[in-house]
Amino acid sequence: MKYFIDCGFYAGKALEYYAPFIDDTWTVIAFEPNQAIDVEKAMSRFPFKIEWVKKAVWIKDGELDYVTTNIRQDAAHIAEL
């Protein structure tokens, strides 16, 4: 089985680049914790199934707080390390 793992899906910009090489033999997993982004709408642009994991990817196990900005609700960052 082949996997494409997008560790910060946002609006699927990276996946757009690789989409021509992906078919039904791939499992596509998109990590994106920011639910202010219309991820489902972005995923609907692709002709293959994408599994949305509503979590972030980090270098350690555990939990971190992230915040959205007042200017753009679709932009987020880690609150503090």
Protein backbone atom coordinates (compact mmCIF):
# COMPACT_ATOMS: atom_id res chain seq x y z
CA MET A 1 0.00 0.00 0.00
CA LYS A 2 1.16 3.54 -0.76
CA TYR A 3 0.62 6.47 1.59
CA PHE A 4 0.66 10.21 1.09
CA ILE A 5 0.73 11.99 4.45
CA ASP A 6 0.21 15.75 4.44
CA CYS A 7 1.37 17.11 7.81
CA GLY A 8 -0.31 20.50 7.50
CA PHE A 9 -3.04 20.28 4.88
CA TYR A 10 -4.32 23.87 5.18
CA ALA A 11 -6.10 24.17 1.82
CA GLY A 12 -4.36 21.30 0.06
CA LYS A 13 -1.72 23.31 -1.78
CA ALA A 14 1.02 20.66 -1.46
CA LEU A 15 -1.40 17.91 -2.45
CA GLU A 16 -2.29 19.84 -5.63
CA TYR A 17 1.29 19.34 -6.80
CA TYR A 18 1.26 15.58 -6.18
CA ALA A 19 -2.37 14.88 -7.16
CA PRO A 20 -1.55 13.88 -10.77
CA PHE A 21 0.57 11.02 -9.41
CA ILE A 22 -2.05 9.73 -6.93
CA ASP A 23 -4.71 7.18 -7.82
CA ASP A 24 -7.02 4.81 -5.92
CA THR A 25 -4.07 2.63 -4.87
CA TRP A 26 -2.94 5.40 -2.49
CA THR A 27 -4.13 6.17 1.01
CA VAL A 28 -4.10 9.94 1.53
CA ILE A 29 -4.06 11.27 5.10
CA ALA A 30 -4.31 15.00 5.78
CA PHE A 31 -3.40 16.37 9.21
CA GLU A 32 -4.92 19.78 9.92
CA PRO A 33 -6.00 20.88 13.42
CA ASN A 34 -7.39 24.29 12.46
CA GLN A 35 -11.13 23.76 12.02
CA ALA A 36 -11.61 27.41 11.02
CA ILE A 37 -10.37 26.34 7.60
CA ASP A 38 -12.94 24.73 5.29
CA VAL A 39 -10.90 21.55 4.93
CA GLU A 40 -13.82 19.48 3.66
CA LYS A 41 -14.36 21.93 0.80
CA ALA A 42 -10.65 21.82 -0.05
CA MET A 43 -10.67 18.00 0.03
CA SER A 44 -13.66 17.86 -2.33
CA ARG A 45 -11.49 19.27 -5.14
CA PHE A 46 -9.57 16.00 -5.38
CA PRO A 47 -10.83 12.90 -7.22
CA PHE A 48 -9.59 10.51 -4.52
CA LYS A 49 -10.55 9.88 -0.91
CA ILE A 50 -8.71 11.86 1.77
CA GLU A 51 -8.82 11.02 5.46
CA TRP A 52 -8.81 14.22 7.55
CA VAL A 53 -7.13 13.89 10.95
CA LYS A 54 -8.08 16.93 13.05
CA LYS A 55 -4.74 16.99 14.85
CA ALA A 56 -1.32 18.48 14.31
CA VAL A 57 1.94 16.66 13.75
CA TRP A 58 4.78 17.46 16.14
CA ILE A 59 8.19 16.05 17.06
CA LYS A 60 7.10 14.79 20.49
CA ASP A 61 4.05 13.10 21.99
CA GLY A 62 1.91 15.41 24.07
CA GLU A 63 -0.27 18.44 23.70
CA LEU A 64 0.45 22.04 22.74
CA ASP A 65 -1.89 24.99 22.53
CA TYR A 66 -2.19 26.81 19.27
CA VAL A 67 -3.90 30.08 18.56
CA THR A 68 -5.45 31.76 15.56
CA THR A 69 -4.69 35.37 14.77
CA ASN A 70 -7.18 38.23 14.97
CA ILE A 71 -6.38 39.16 11.39
CA ARG A 72 -6.84 35.74 9.76
CA GLN A 73 -8.78 32.97 11.48
CA ASP A 74 -7.36 30.46 9.01
CA ALA A 75 -3.79 31.13 10.18
CA ALA A 76 -2.64 29.51 13.40
CA HIS A 77 0.59 28.99 15.30
CA ILE A 78 1.82 27.32 18.46
CA ALA A 79 0.97 29.51 21.47
CA GLU A 80 4.26 28.88 23.25
CA LEU A 81 6.86 26.13 23.55
